[in-house]
Amino acid sequence: MIEKLIEKAKKENKKVYIYDHKFPDGDAISSSCSIVEYLKSNGIDASYVVTKSVNSYTQVVGQIPTTQSVAPNPISLIVDTSTLDYAENKMFLGSQPEDIYVIDHHMKAKGMLCIEDELHLPEDNVLRDCSASSTCEILVNEFEREQLSPRIANMLTLGLITDT
């Protein structure tokens, strides 16, 4: 799915914003930051969007600036977030459903709607793997291995360790 997102961002010359859940943990922070690094290494303008200061894990992921607004009509990628209510912010609602992607490892709770259901996203825009221990584990399998820098590998390792 990441490759599909990269192709779309290049073809349509769109910025990509990455979002995660309230009170982000190591998996949310590491997966968000590693995706930004990976997209940038592929020539994509990408940013991690949080509205509240995140001070955890900065030794590995670096400082994370807060954001109060995003460009219009971007591509949005929501990670490690199972429901709309659990999202740290909802600036991704400025994207069209076909421009919103989800990568998550949480199981769909019986009788509950997941974020992709709530947003009416195309099936191809969702990568939900409930057998994965973390979103970072999913990303290890998504990223092209030859493009994994030591920095991205460290971030993914942090997310794997903190979520398992």
N, C-alpha and C. Protein backbone atom coordinates (compact mmCIF):
# COMPACT_ATOMS: atom_id res chain seq x y z
N MET A 1 0.81 -1.20 0.00
CA MET A 1 0.00 0.00 0.00
C MET A 1 0.86 1.27 0.00
N ILE A 2 1.99 1.24 0.68
CA ILE A 2 2.86 2.42 0.71
C ILE A 2 3.30 2.80 -0.70
N GLU A 3 3.61 1.81 -1.50
CA GLU A 3 4.04 2.11 -2.88
C GLU A 3 2.90 2.76 -3.67
N LYS A 4 1.68 2.30 -3.46
CA LYS A 4 0.50 2.90 -4.11
C LYS A 4 0.36 4.37 -3.68
N LEU A 5 0.54 4.62 -2.40
CA LEU A 5 0.46 5.98 -1.88
C LEU A 5 1.55 6.87 -2.49
N ILE A 6 2.76 6.34 -2.60
CA ILE A 6 3.87 7.09 -3.20
C ILE A 6 3.56 7.43 -4.65
N GLU A 7 3.07 6.46 -5.41
CA GLU A 7 2.71 6.70 -6.81
C GLU A 7 1.66 7.79 -6.93
N LYS A 8 0.64 7.73 -6.09
CA LYS A 8 -0.44 8.71 -6.12
C LYS A 8 0.09 10.10 -5.77
N ALA A 9 0.91 10.20 -4.73
CA ALA A 9 1.46 11.50 -4.31
C ALA A 9 2.31 12.11 -5.42
N LYS A 10 3.11 11.29 -6.10
CA LYS A 10 3.94 11.79 -7.19
C LYS A 10 3.09 12.20 -8.39
N LYS A 11 2.16 11.33 -8.77
CA LYS A 11 1.33 11.58 -9.94
C LYS A 11 0.49 12.85 -9.77
N GLU A 12 -0.08 13.03 -8.57
CA GLU A 12 -0.97 14.17 -8.32
C GLU A 12 -0.27 15.35 -7.64
N ASN A 13 1.06 15.20 -7.42
CA ASN A 13 1.86 16.24 -6.78
C ASN A 13 1.21 16.72 -5.47
N LYS A 14 0.93 15.76 -4.58
CA LYS A 14 0.25 16.08 -3.32
C LYS A 14 1.17 15.85 -2.13
N LYS A 15 0.98 16.67 -1.13
CA LYS A 15 1.66 16.50 0.14
C LYS A 15 0.97 15.36 0.89
N VAL A 16 1.74 14.66 1.73
CA VAL A 16 1.20 13.57 2.53
C VAL A 16 1.36 13.92 4.00
N TYR A 17 0.26 13.79 4.73
CA TYR A 17 0.27 14.01 6.18
C TYR A 17 0.00 12.69 6.88
N ILE A 18 0.75 12.47 7.97
CA ILE A 18 0.61 11.24 8.75
C ILE A 18 -0.02 11.60 10.09
N TYR A 19 -1.01 10.82 10.51
CA TYR A 19 -1.76 11.04 11.74
C TYR A 19 -1.75 9.78 12.60
N ASP A 20 -1.89 9.95 13.91
CA ASP A 20 -2.02 8.79 14.78
C ASP A 20 -3.01 9.08 15.91
N HIS A 21 -2.93 8.32 16.99
CA HIS A 21 -3.96 8.38 18.03
C HIS A 21 -3.61 9.32 19.19
N LYS A 22 -4.62 9.58 20.01
CA LYS A 22 -4.44 10.40 21.21
C LYS A 22 -3.39 9.75 22.10
N PHE A 23 -2.63 10.57 22.80
CA PHE A 23 -1.59 10.08 23.72
C PHE A 23 -0.72 9.02 23.02
N PRO A 24 -0.05 9.41 21.94
CA PRO A 24 0.68 8.42 21.13
C PRO A 24 1.76 7.68 21.93
N ASP A 25 1.81 6.38 21.68
CA ASP A 25 2.80 5.52 22.31
C ASP A 25 3.97 5.31 21.35
N GLY A 26 4.89 4.43 21.71
CA GLY A 26 6.07 4.19 20.89
C GLY A 26 5.75 3.69 19.50
N ASP A 27 4.74 2.86 19.37
CA ASP A 27 4.35 2.35 18.05
C ASP A 27 3.79 3.47 17.18
N ALA A 28 2.90 4.28 17.74
CA ALA A 28 2.29 5.38 16.97
C ALA A 28 3.35 6.39 16.53
N ILE A 29 4.18 6.79 17.46
CA ILE A 29 5.21 7.79 17.17
C ILE A 29 6.22 7.24 16.17
N SER A 30 6.72 6.04 16.45
CA SER A 30 7.74 5.45 15.58
C SER A 30 7.23 5.14 14.19
N SER A 31 6.01 4.62 14.10
CA SER A 31 5.47 4.33 12.76
C SER A 31 5.24 5.62 12.00
N SER A 32 4.72 6.65 12.65
CA SER A 32 4.50 7.94 11.98
C SER A 32 5.81 8.53 11.49
N CYS A 33 6.80 8.59 12.37
CA CYS A 33 8.09 9.19 12.00
C CYS A 33 8.83 8.37 10.94
N SER A 34 8.75 7.05 11.04
CA SER A 34 9.43 6.22 10.03
C SER A 34 8.77 6.37 8.66
N ILE A 35 7.46 6.51 8.63
CA ILE A 35 6.78 6.72 7.35
C ILE A 35 7.20 8.06 6.74
N VAL A 36 7.27 9.10 7.56
CA VAL A 36 7.72 10.40 7.05
C VAL A 36 9.11 10.27 6.44
N GLU A 37 10.03 9.64 7.16
CA GLU A 37 11.40 9.45 6.64
C GLU A 37 11.39 8.64 5.34
N TYR A 38 10.62 7.56 5.32
CA TYR A 38 10.56 6.71 4.15
C TYR A 38 9.99 7.46 2.94
N LEU A 39 8.91 8.20 3.16
CA LEU A 39 8.31 8.96 2.06
C LEU A 39 9.28 10.03 1.55
N LYS A 40 9.93 10.72 2.46
CA LYS A 40 10.90 11.75 2.05
C LYS A 40 12.04 11.13 1.25
N SER A 41 12.48 9.93 1.63
CA SER A 41 13.56 9.27 0.88
C SER A 41 13.09 8.86 -0.52
N ASN A 42 11.78 8.86 -0.74
CA ASN A 42 11.20 8.56 -2.05
C ASN A 42 10.71 9.82 -2.76
N GLY A 43 11.16 10.99 -2.29
CA GLY A 43 10.85 12.25 -2.96
C GLY A 43 9.48 12.82 -2.67
N ILE A 44 8.84 12.37 -1.60
CA ILE A 44 7.49 12.84 -1.24
C ILE A 44 7.59 13.87 -0.12
N ASP A 45 6.85 14.96 -0.25
CA ASP A 45 6.74 15.96 0.81
C ASP A 45 5.79 15.40 1.86
N ALA A 46 6.31 15.06 3.03
CA ALA A 46 5.49 14.41 4.07
C ALA A 46 5.76 15.02 5.43
N SER A 47 4.71 15.04 6.27
CA SER A 47 4.82 15.57 7.63
C SER A 47 3.96 14.75 8.58
N TYR A 48 4.43 14.64 9.80
CA TYR A 48 3.71 14.00 10.90
C TYR A 48 2.90 15.10 11.58
N VAL A 49 1.59 14.93 11.70
CA VAL A 49 0.72 15.98 12.22
C VAL A 49 0.24 15.63 13.63
N VAL A 50 0.67 16.43 14.59
CA VAL A 50 0.16 16.35 15.96
C VAL A 50 -0.12 17.77 16.42
N THR A 51 -1.16 17.93 17.19
CA THR A 51 -1.52 19.27 17.68
C THR A 51 -1.04 19.52 19.10
N LYS A 52 -0.70 18.44 19.81
CA LYS A 52 -0.20 18.55 21.17
C LYS A 52 1.25 18.09 21.20
N SER A 53 2.05 18.71 22.02
CA SER A 53 3.47 18.40 22.10
C SER A 53 3.71 16.93 22.43
N VAL A 54 4.63 16.32 21.70
CA VAL A 54 5.04 14.93 21.92
C VAL A 54 6.51 14.96 22.33
N ASN A 55 6.78 14.55 23.55
CA ASN A 55 8.16 14.60 24.05
C ASN A 55 8.77 13.23 24.28
N SER A 56 8.04 12.18 24.01
CA SER A 56 8.54 10.82 24.21
C SER A 56 9.37 10.36 23.02
N TYR A 57 10.39 9.59 23.30
CA TYR A 57 11.20 8.91 22.29
C TYR A 57 11.96 9.85 21.36
N THR A 58 12.14 11.10 21.74
CA THR A 58 12.82 12.05 20.86
C THR A 58 14.29 11.69 20.62
N GLN A 59 14.90 10.89 21.50
CA GLN A 59 16.28 10.47 21.27
C GLN A 59 16.40 9.63 20.01
N VAL A 60 15.32 8.92 19.67
CA VAL A 60 15.33 8.06 18.48
C VAL A 60 14.68 8.75 17.28
N VAL A 61 13.54 9.39 17.48
CA VAL A 61 12.78 9.95 16.35
C VAL A 61 13.05 11.42 16.09
N GLY A 62 13.69 12.12 17.03
CA GLY A 62 13.93 13.55 16.87
C GLY A 62 12.76 14.36 17.40
N GLN A 63 12.92 15.67 17.35
CA GLN A 63 11.85 16.57 17.82
C GLN A 63 10.67 16.52 16.86
N ILE A 64 9.48 16.58 17.42
CA ILE A 64 8.26 16.53 16.62
C ILE A 64 7.53 17.86 16.77
N PRO A 65 7.51 18.66 15.72
CA PRO A 65 6.81 19.95 15.83
C PRO A 65 5.29 19.77 15.84
N THR A 66 4.60 20.66 16.53
CA THR A 66 3.14 20.63 16.50
C THR A 66 2.65 21.36 15.25
N THR A 67 1.45 21.01 14.82
CA THR A 67 0.86 21.57 13.61
C THR A 67 -0.54 22.06 13.94
N GLN A 68 -0.89 23.23 13.44
CA GLN A 68 -2.23 23.76 13.68
C GLN A 68 -3.10 23.78 12.42
N SER A 69 -2.48 23.59 11.26
CA SER A 69 -3.25 23.55 10.02
C SER A 69 -2.46 22.76 8.98
N VAL A 70 -3.17 22.27 7.98
CA VAL A 70 -2.55 21.52 6.89
C VAL A 70 -2.98 22.12 5.56
N ALA A 71 -2.23 21.82 4.52
CA ALA A 71 -2.55 22.28 3.18
C ALA A 71 -3.87 21.67 2.71
N PRO A 72 -4.58 22.33 1.83
CA PRO A 72 -5.85 21.77 1.35
C PRO A 72 -5.64 20.57 0.43
N ASN A 73 -6.59 19.64 0.48
CA ASN A 73 -6.66 18.50 -0.43
C ASN A 73 -5.40 17.63 -0.45
N PRO A 74 -4.86 17.26 0.73
CA PRO A 74 -3.68 16.40 0.74
C PRO A 74 -4.04 14.92 0.74
N ILE A 75 -3.03 14.10 0.73
CA ILE A 75 -3.19 12.68 1.01
C ILE A 75 -2.95 12.53 2.50
N SER A 76 -3.81 11.77 3.16
CA SER A 76 -3.69 11.55 4.60
C SER A 76 -3.51 10.07 4.88
N LEU A 77 -2.59 9.77 5.79
CA LEU A 77 -2.35 8.39 6.22
C LEU A 77 -2.52 8.35 7.73
N ILE A 78 -3.47 7.55 8.20
CA ILE A 78 -3.75 7.42 9.62
C ILE A 78 -3.18 6.08 10.07
N VAL A 79 -2.33 6.12 11.12
CA VAL A 79 -1.69 4.89 11.59
C VAL A 79 -2.04 4.59 13.04
N ASP A 80 -2.09 3.31 13.34
CA ASP A 80 -2.24 2.84 14.72
C ASP A 80 -3.47 3.43 15.41
N THR A 81 -4.51 3.69 14.66
CA THR A 81 -5.72 4.35 15.19
C THR A 81 -6.94 3.57 14.72
N SER A 82 -7.66 2.99 15.66
CA SER A 82 -8.75 2.09 15.28
C SER A 82 -10.08 2.78 15.05
N THR A 83 -10.34 3.91 15.73
CA THR A 83 -11.63 4.60 15.56
C THR A 83 -11.42 6.10 15.40
N LEU A 84 -12.40 6.74 14.83
CA LEU A 84 -12.36 8.19 14.62
C LEU A 84 -12.21 8.93 15.95
N ASP A 85 -12.92 8.48 16.97
CA ASP A 85 -12.84 9.14 18.28
C ASP A 85 -11.46 9.04 18.90
N TYR A 86 -10.68 8.03 18.52
CA TYR A 86 -9.36 7.82 19.10
C TYR A 86 -8.26 8.63 18.40
N ALA A 87 -8.58 9.28 17.29
CA ALA A 87 -7.60 10.07 16.55
C ALA A 87 -7.14 11.28 17.36
N GLU A 88 -5.85 11.58 17.29
CA GLU A 88 -5.29 12.73 18.03
C GLU A 88 -5.91 14.03 17.55
N ASN A 89 -6.14 14.13 16.27
CA ASN A 89 -6.83 15.29 15.70
C ASN A 89 -7.55 14.79 14.45
N LYS A 90 -8.36 15.64 13.87
CA LYS A 90 -9.15 15.20 12.71
C LYS A 90 -8.90 16.07 11.48
N MET A 91 -7.69 16.60 11.37
CA MET A 91 -7.38 17.41 10.20
C MET A 91 -7.41 16.61 8.91
N PHE A 92 -7.32 15.29 9.01
CA PHE A 92 -7.39 14.44 7.82
C PHE A 92 -8.77 14.49 7.16
N LEU A 93 -9.75 15.04 7.86
CA LEU A 93 -11.09 15.15 7.26
C LEU A 93 -11.11 16.14 6.09
N GLY A 94 -10.03 16.89 5.90
CA GLY A 94 -9.90 17.77 4.74
C GLY A 94 -9.51 17.03 3.47
N SER A 95 -9.24 15.75 3.59
CA SER A 95 -8.92 14.90 2.43
C SER A 95 -10.17 14.19 1.96
N GLN A 96 -10.21 13.91 0.68
CA GLN A 96 -11.29 13.11 0.11
C GLN A 96 -11.10 11.65 0.55
N PRO A 97 -12.17 10.87 0.70
CA PRO A 97 -12.02 9.47 1.13
C PRO A 97 -11.02 8.68 0.28
N GLU A 98 -10.97 8.95 -1.02
CA GLU A 98 -10.01 8.22 -1.87
C GLU A 98 -8.56 8.64 -1.61
N ASP A 99 -8.37 9.72 -0.85
CA ASP A 99 -7.03 10.20 -0.50
C ASP A 99 -6.68 9.94 0.96
N ILE A 100 -7.47 9.11 1.64
CA ILE A 100 -7.19 8.76 3.03
C ILE A 100 -6.84 7.27 3.08
N TYR A 101 -5.75 6.97 3.77
CA TYR A 101 -5.25 5.61 3.94
C TYR A 101 -5.16 5.28 5.42
N VAL A 102 -5.26 4.00 5.76
CA VAL A 102 -5.15 3.55 7.14
C VAL A 102 -4.22 2.34 7.19
N ILE A 103 -3.30 2.37 8.15
CA ILE A 103 -2.48 1.20 8.47
C ILE A 103 -2.64 0.98 9.97
N ASP A 104 -3.13 -0.20 10.35
CA ASP A 104 -3.40 -0.46 11.76
C ASP A 104 -3.31 -1.95 12.05
N HIS A 105 -3.01 -2.26 13.31
CA HIS A 105 -2.91 -3.66 13.74
C HIS A 105 -3.99 -4.06 14.73
N HIS A 106 -4.86 -3.14 15.10
CA HIS A 106 -5.90 -3.45 16.08
C HIS A 106 -7.04 -4.24 15.45
N MET A 107 -7.59 -5.14 16.22
CA MET A 107 -8.69 -5.97 15.76
C MET A 107 -9.98 -5.14 15.76
N LYS A 108 -10.82 -5.41 14.80
CA LYS A 108 -12.14 -4.79 14.79
C LYS A 108 -12.94 -5.41 15.93
N ALA A 109 -13.40 -4.56 16.84
CA ALA A 109 -14.21 -5.06 17.95
C ALA A 109 -15.59 -5.47 17.43
N LYS A 110 -16.11 -6.54 17.98
CA LYS A 110 -17.41 -7.07 17.54
C LYS A 110 -18.49 -6.00 17.67
N GLY A 111 -19.18 -5.74 16.58
CA GLY A 111 -20.26 -4.77 16.58
C GLY A 111 -19.82 -3.32 16.50
N MET A 112 -18.52 -3.08 16.43
CA MET A 112 -18.00 -1.71 16.38
C MET A 112 -17.52 -1.38 14.97
N LEU A 113 -17.57 -0.12 14.64
CA LEU A 113 -17.05 0.35 13.37
C LEU A 113 -15.60 0.80 13.56
N CYS A 114 -14.77 0.47 12.61
CA CYS A 114 -13.39 0.96 12.62
C CYS A 114 -13.33 2.27 11.84
N ILE A 115 -12.21 2.94 11.93
CA ILE A 115 -12.06 4.25 11.31
C ILE A 115 -12.33 4.21 9.81
N GLU A 116 -11.92 3.14 9.15
CA GLU A 116 -12.16 3.05 7.70
C GLU A 116 -13.64 2.93 7.38
N ASP A 117 -14.41 2.30 8.28
CA ASP A 117 -15.86 2.21 8.10
C ASP A 117 -16.51 3.57 8.33
N GLU A 118 -16.06 4.24 9.39
CA GLU A 118 -16.62 5.55 9.73
C GLU A 118 -16.37 6.57 8.63
N LEU A 119 -15.21 6.46 7.96
CA LEU A 119 -14.84 7.42 6.91
C LEU A 119 -15.24 6.95 5.51
N HIS A 120 -15.80 5.73 5.40
CA HIS A 120 -16.23 5.17 4.11
C HIS A 120 -15.06 5.12 3.12
N LEU A 121 -13.94 4.55 3.57
CA LEU A 121 -12.75 4.49 2.73
C LEU A 121 -12.80 3.32 1.76
N PRO A 122 -12.16 3.48 0.60
CA PRO A 122 -12.05 2.35 -0.33
C PRO A 122 -11.25 1.23 0.33
N GLU A 123 -11.64 0.01 0.08
CA GLU A 123 -10.98 -1.16 0.67
C GLU A 123 -9.48 -1.19 0.40
N ASP A 124 -9.08 -0.77 -0.81
CA ASP A 124 -7.66 -0.77 -1.18
C ASP A 124 -6.83 0.24 -0.38
N ASN A 125 -7.48 1.15 0.31
CA ASN A 125 -6.77 2.17 1.08
C ASN A 125 -6.55 1.76 2.53
N VAL A 126 -6.87 0.53 2.86
CA VAL A 126 -6.77 0.08 4.25
C VAL A 126 -5.87 -1.15 4.33
N LEU A 127 -4.90 -1.07 5.23
CA LEU A 127 -4.06 -2.20 5.55
C LEU A 127 -4.21 -2.47 7.04
N ARG A 128 -5.08 -3.41 7.36
CA ARG A 128 -5.34 -3.79 8.76
C ARG A 128 -4.88 -5.23 8.91
N ASP A 129 -3.88 -5.44 9.76
CA ASP A 129 -3.35 -6.78 10.00
C ASP A 129 -3.39 -7.05 11.49
N CYS A 130 -4.44 -7.71 11.92
CA CYS A 130 -4.65 -7.98 13.35
C CYS A 130 -3.69 -9.04 13.89
N SER A 131 -3.00 -9.74 13.01
CA SER A 131 -2.01 -10.72 13.48
C SER A 131 -0.67 -10.06 13.77
N ALA A 132 -0.50 -8.80 13.38
CA ALA A 132 0.75 -8.08 13.64
C ALA A 132 0.77 -7.58 15.08
N SER A 133 1.95 -7.57 15.67
CA SER A 133 2.09 -7.11 17.04
C SER A 133 2.01 -5.59 17.16
N SER A 134 2.26 -4.91 16.05
CA SER A 134 2.31 -3.44 16.06
C SER A 134 2.20 -2.93 14.63
N THR A 135 1.96 -1.63 14.53
CA THR A 135 1.95 -1.01 13.21
C THR A 135 3.36 -1.04 12.63
N CYS A 136 4.36 -0.90 13.48
CA CYS A 136 5.75 -0.96 13.00
C CYS A 136 6.06 -2.31 12.36
N GLU A 137 5.49 -3.40 12.88
CA GLU A 137 5.70 -4.71 12.26
C GLU A 137 5.13 -4.74 10.85
N ILE A 138 3.97 -4.16 10.67
CA ILE A 138 3.37 -4.07 9.34
C ILE A 138 4.29 -3.30 8.40
N LEU A 139 4.84 -2.20 8.90
CA LEU A 139 5.70 -1.36 8.07
C LEU A 139 7.00 -2.06 7.69
N VAL A 140 7.54 -2.89 8.56
CA VAL A 140 8.73 -3.67 8.22
C VAL A 140 8.45 -4.47 6.94
N ASN A 141 7.24 -4.99 6.82
CA ASN A 141 6.88 -5.78 5.65
C ASN A 141 6.47 -4.91 4.45
N GLU A 142 6.08 -3.68 4.69
CA GLU A 142 5.63 -2.77 3.63
C GLU A 142 6.79 -2.05 2.94
N PHE A 143 7.76 -1.63 3.72
CA PHE A 143 8.87 -0.84 3.17
C PHE A 143 9.79 -1.72 2.31
N GLU A 144 10.32 -1.11 1.26
CA GLU A 144 11.32 -1.80 0.45
C GLU A 144 12.59 -1.91 1.28
N ARG A 145 13.03 -3.11 1.51
CA ARG A 145 14.15 -3.34 2.45
C ARG A 145 15.41 -2.58 2.08
N GLU A 146 15.69 -2.45 0.80
CA GLU A 146 16.92 -1.75 0.39
C GLU A 146 16.84 -0.25 0.68
N GLN A 147 15.65 0.25 1.00
CA GLN A 147 15.50 1.67 1.32
C GLN A 147 15.41 1.92 2.83
N LEU A 148 15.61 0.88 3.63
CA LEU A 148 15.55 1.06 5.08
C LEU A 148 16.89 1.58 5.59
N SER A 149 16.90 2.84 5.94
CA SER A 149 18.11 3.43 6.52
C SER A 149 18.24 2.96 7.97
N PRO A 150 19.43 3.08 8.56
CA PRO A 150 19.56 2.75 9.98
C PRO A 150 18.60 3.56 10.86
N ARG A 151 18.35 4.81 10.50
CA ARG A 151 17.42 5.65 11.27
C ARG A 151 16.00 5.08 11.24
N ILE A 152 15.52 4.69 10.06
CA ILE A 152 14.18 4.10 9.95
C ILE A 152 14.14 2.77 10.70
N ALA A 153 15.19 1.96 10.56
CA ALA A 153 15.24 0.67 11.25
C ALA A 153 15.18 0.87 12.77
N ASN A 154 15.88 1.86 13.28
CA ASN A 154 15.84 2.14 14.72
C ASN A 154 14.44 2.55 15.17
N MET A 155 13.78 3.37 14.37
CA MET A 155 12.41 3.79 14.72
C MET A 155 11.47 2.59 14.75
N LEU A 156 11.56 1.74 13.73
CA LEU A 156 10.69 0.57 13.67
C LEU A 156 10.96 -0.37 14.84
N THR A 157 12.22 -0.53 15.20
CA THR A 157 12.58 -1.36 16.34
C THR A 157 11.99 -0.80 17.62
N LEU A 158 12.06 0.50 17.82
CA LEU A 158 11.48 1.13 19.00
C LEU A 158 9.99 0.82 19.09
N GLY A 159 9.27 0.95 17.98
CA GLY A 159 7.84 0.68 17.97
C GLY A 159 7.54 -0.78 18.27
N LEU A 160 8.34 -1.68 17.71
CA LEU A 160 8.15 -3.11 17.97
C LEU A 160 8.36 -3.42 19.46
N ILE A 161 9.42 -2.87 20.03
CA ILE A 161 9.74 -3.14 21.43
C ILE A 161 8.68 -2.57 22.38
N THR A 162 8.24 -1.37 22.11
CA THR A 162 7.30 -0.73 23.04
C THR A 162 5.88 -1.23 22.92
N ASP A 163 5.52 -1.89 21.81
CA ASP A 163 4.15 -2.34 21.64
C ASP A 163 3.98 -3.84 21.85
N THR A 164 5.08 -4.53 22.10
CA THR A 164 4.96 -6.00 22.28
C THR A 164 5.36 -6.41 23.68
